[in-house]
């Protein structure tokens, strides 16, 4: 699958086959995440790979949109290490790029996933911090549930020429 096909066919997948994801694929997802651009090359990210079934099943009790975790064989919590943020305020852009790279790599590898927002919801951040033992300087940013797709969605053409402005508004 070429890059454009991967980008244009990526969809949010919330239903997964009961099949584990091999460690080699998890490493590829994380390599893709860490290949993301970051301001001043600060790379302020950390990733918590969650495979424990009890932990995955508990996530929807404190993240109301994370029911996909109950079918997912794994999830990745993308975190911003505020001590690694060289340019204040730019870290959220950096971890956003890393999150998108995971989703695109998942699609290219035949996996499905969905971005489940954590930041800036304080109650979700507090719950993840407690559940996973995150240090105070590490901000839980986004959760991605992942698995082999048990649903298929057609590509969505979201291009809107009315949103494009050239040289000025």
Foldseek 3Di string as FASTA:
>chain_A
DDLVCLVQWADAFLAADQDADDPVLVVVLQVLLQVFDFVVSLSQKDKDKDQPQVLLCCLCVQQVVSNSSNRFRIKIFIKGQQVSDPDPPRRLVSNVRSVVSSSSSCSVVQKHKHKRFQPPPPSSQVVCCVSVVPDPRITGGIMMGMHRHPDHDGGDPPDDPVVDDPPHD
